[in-house]
Amino acid sequence: MAIAQLSLSKKSKAIAAYQQALRLDPNFEISHHNLGLALQANSFTHIDNSCLIKI
């Protein structure tokens, strides 16, 4: 669902979906990676790098 939202330029909803996925399964590496990409696509400059290096 988050991938579809991101591709439809609904970046804030995609970010929320990835964050929810990580609350449900904090070890799901793909969600960490995709959250980092979504944050970057949304031009967040102050992101938590843990979502990028969790893999």
N, C-alpha and C. Protein backbone atom coordinates (compact mmCIF):
# COMPACT_ATOMS: atom_id res chain seq x y z
N MET A 1 0.83 -1.19 0.00
CA MET A 1 0.00 0.00 0.00
C MET A 1 0.87 1.25 0.00
N ALA A 2 1.92 1.23 0.80
CA ALA A 2 2.79 2.40 0.87
C ALA A 2 3.49 2.65 -0.46
N ILE A 3 3.86 1.59 -1.16
CA ILE A 3 4.51 1.76 -2.46
C ILE A 3 3.56 2.45 -3.43
N ALA A 4 2.31 2.06 -3.43
CA ALA A 4 1.33 2.69 -4.31
C ALA A 4 1.15 4.15 -3.95
N GLN A 5 1.08 4.46 -2.67
CA GLN A 5 0.91 5.84 -2.24
C GLN A 5 2.12 6.68 -2.63
N LEU A 6 3.30 6.11 -2.50
CA LEU A 6 4.50 6.84 -2.86
C LEU A 6 4.53 7.12 -4.36
N SER A 7 4.15 6.13 -5.15
CA SER A 7 4.16 6.33 -6.60
C SER A 7 3.07 7.29 -7.05
N LEU A 8 2.04 7.46 -6.24
CA LEU A 8 0.97 8.41 -6.56
C LEU A 8 1.23 9.78 -5.94
N SER A 9 2.45 9.99 -5.47
CA SER A 9 2.87 11.25 -4.85
C SER A 9 2.11 11.55 -3.56
N LYS A 10 1.66 10.53 -2.89
CA LYS A 10 1.04 10.69 -1.56
C LYS A 10 2.11 10.32 -0.54
N LYS A 11 3.17 11.12 -0.53
CA LYS A 11 4.36 10.78 0.25
C LYS A 11 4.09 10.73 1.74
N SER A 12 3.30 11.64 2.27
CA SER A 12 3.03 11.65 3.71
C SER A 12 2.29 10.39 4.14
N LYS A 13 1.36 9.94 3.30
CA LYS A 13 0.63 8.70 3.62
C LYS A 13 1.54 7.49 3.50
N ALA A 14 2.45 7.51 2.53
CA ALA A 14 3.40 6.41 2.37
C ALA A 14 4.31 6.33 3.59
N ILE A 15 4.79 7.48 4.04
CA ILE A 15 5.66 7.53 5.22
C ILE A 15 4.92 6.97 6.43
N ALA A 16 3.69 7.37 6.62
CA ALA A 16 2.90 6.87 7.75
C ALA A 16 2.70 5.35 7.65
N ALA A 17 2.50 4.84 6.44
CA ALA A 17 2.30 3.40 6.26
C ALA A 17 3.58 2.63 6.58
N TYR A 18 4.74 3.15 6.16
CA TYR A 18 6.00 2.49 6.48
C TYR A 18 6.26 2.54 7.98
N GLN A 19 5.96 3.64 8.61
CA GLN A 19 6.14 3.75 10.05
C GLN A 19 5.24 2.76 10.78
N GLN A 20 4.02 2.59 10.32
CA GLN A 20 3.10 1.62 10.92
C GLN A 20 3.64 0.20 10.72
N ALA A 21 4.15 -0.09 9.54
CA ALA A 21 4.71 -1.41 9.28
C ALA A 21 5.87 -1.70 10.22
N LEU A 22 6.68 -0.68 10.50
CA LEU A 22 7.82 -0.86 11.40
C LEU A 22 7.39 -0.99 12.86
N ARG A 23 6.27 -0.38 13.22
CA ARG A 23 5.75 -0.59 14.57
C ARG A 23 5.29 -2.04 14.73
N LEU A 24 4.73 -2.60 13.67
CA LEU A 24 4.25 -3.98 13.72
C LEU A 24 5.41 -4.98 13.67
N ASP A 25 6.43 -4.67 12.88
CA ASP A 25 7.59 -5.56 12.76
C ASP A 25 8.85 -4.71 12.61
N PRO A 26 9.49 -4.36 13.73
CA PRO A 26 10.66 -3.48 13.69
C PRO A 26 11.86 -4.07 12.96
N ASN A 27 11.85 -5.35 12.68
CA ASN A 27 12.98 -5.99 12.01
C ASN A 27 12.78 -6.16 10.51
N PHE A 28 11.72 -5.59 9.97
CA PHE A 28 11.42 -5.73 8.53
C PHE A 28 12.29 -4.75 7.75
N GLU A 29 13.44 -5.25 7.26
CA GLU A 29 14.46 -4.40 6.67
C GLU A 29 13.97 -3.58 5.48
N ILE A 30 13.13 -4.16 4.66
CA ILE A 30 12.67 -3.45 3.47
C ILE A 30 11.88 -2.21 3.85
N SER A 31 11.12 -2.29 4.92
CA SER A 31 10.37 -1.11 5.37
C SER A 31 11.31 -0.01 5.85
N HIS A 32 12.40 -0.38 6.51
CA HIS A 32 13.39 0.62 6.93
C HIS A 32 13.96 1.32 5.70
N HIS A 33 14.33 0.54 4.72
CA HIS A 33 14.91 1.09 3.49
C HIS A 33 13.90 1.99 2.77
N ASN A 34 12.69 1.48 2.59
CA ASN A 34 11.68 2.24 1.86
C ASN A 34 11.25 3.49 2.62
N LEU A 35 11.23 3.43 3.94
CA LEU A 35 10.93 4.63 4.72
C LEU A 35 11.99 5.69 4.45
N GLY A 36 13.23 5.29 4.44
CA GLY A 36 14.30 6.24 4.13
C GLY A 36 14.13 6.85 2.76
N LEU A 37 13.78 6.05 1.78
CA LEU A 37 13.56 6.57 0.43
C LEU A 37 12.36 7.51 0.38
N ALA A 38 11.30 7.16 1.09
CA ALA A 38 10.10 8.01 1.12
C ALA A 38 10.41 9.35 1.78
N LEU A 39 11.18 9.30 2.87
CA LEU A 39 11.55 10.54 3.55
C LEU A 39 12.41 11.40 2.64
N GLN A 40 13.32 10.77 1.94
CA GLN A 40 14.18 11.51 1.01
C GLN A 40 13.34 12.10 -0.12
N ALA A 41 12.41 11.34 -0.65
CA ALA A 41 11.55 11.82 -1.73
C ALA A 41 10.68 12.98 -1.28
N ASN A 42 10.37 13.01 0.01
CA ASN A 42 9.54 14.07 0.56
C ASN A 42 10.38 15.26 1.01
N SER A 43 11.67 15.20 0.69
CA SER A 43 12.61 16.28 0.99
C SER A 43 12.77 16.55 2.47
N PHE A 44 12.67 15.51 3.28
CA PHE A 44 12.96 15.67 4.70
C PHE A 44 14.48 15.77 4.82
N THR A 45 14.93 16.80 5.48
CA THR A 45 16.37 16.95 5.64
C THR A 45 16.83 16.48 7.00
N HIS A 46 15.94 16.41 7.96
CA HIS A 46 16.31 15.98 9.31
C HIS A 46 15.69 14.61 9.58
N ILE A 47 16.20 13.60 8.88
CA ILE A 47 15.64 12.27 9.07
C ILE A 47 16.50 11.48 10.03
N ASP A 48 15.91 10.51 10.63
CA ASP A 48 16.61 9.61 11.53
C ASP A 48 17.34 8.59 10.66
N ASN A 49 18.65 8.64 10.66
CA ASN A 49 19.43 7.75 9.80
C ASN A 49 19.28 6.28 10.15
N SER A 50 18.71 5.96 11.29
CA SER A 50 18.54 4.55 11.64
C SER A 50 17.68 3.82 10.63
N CYS A 51 16.77 4.53 9.98
CA CYS A 51 15.93 3.86 8.98
C CYS A 51 16.73 3.55 7.72
N LEU A 52 17.87 4.20 7.54
CA LEU A 52 18.68 3.96 6.36
C LEU A 52 19.76 2.91 6.61
N ILE A 53 20.21 2.75 7.83
CA ILE A 53 21.30 1.82 8.09
C ILE A 53 20.83 0.55 8.79
N LYS A 54 19.57 0.35 8.95
CA LYS A 54 19.07 -0.83 9.64
C LYS A 54 19.39 -2.11 8.88
N ILE A 55 19.49 -2.03 7.57
CA ILE A 55 19.75 -3.20 6.74
C ILE A 55 21.12 -3.70 7.06
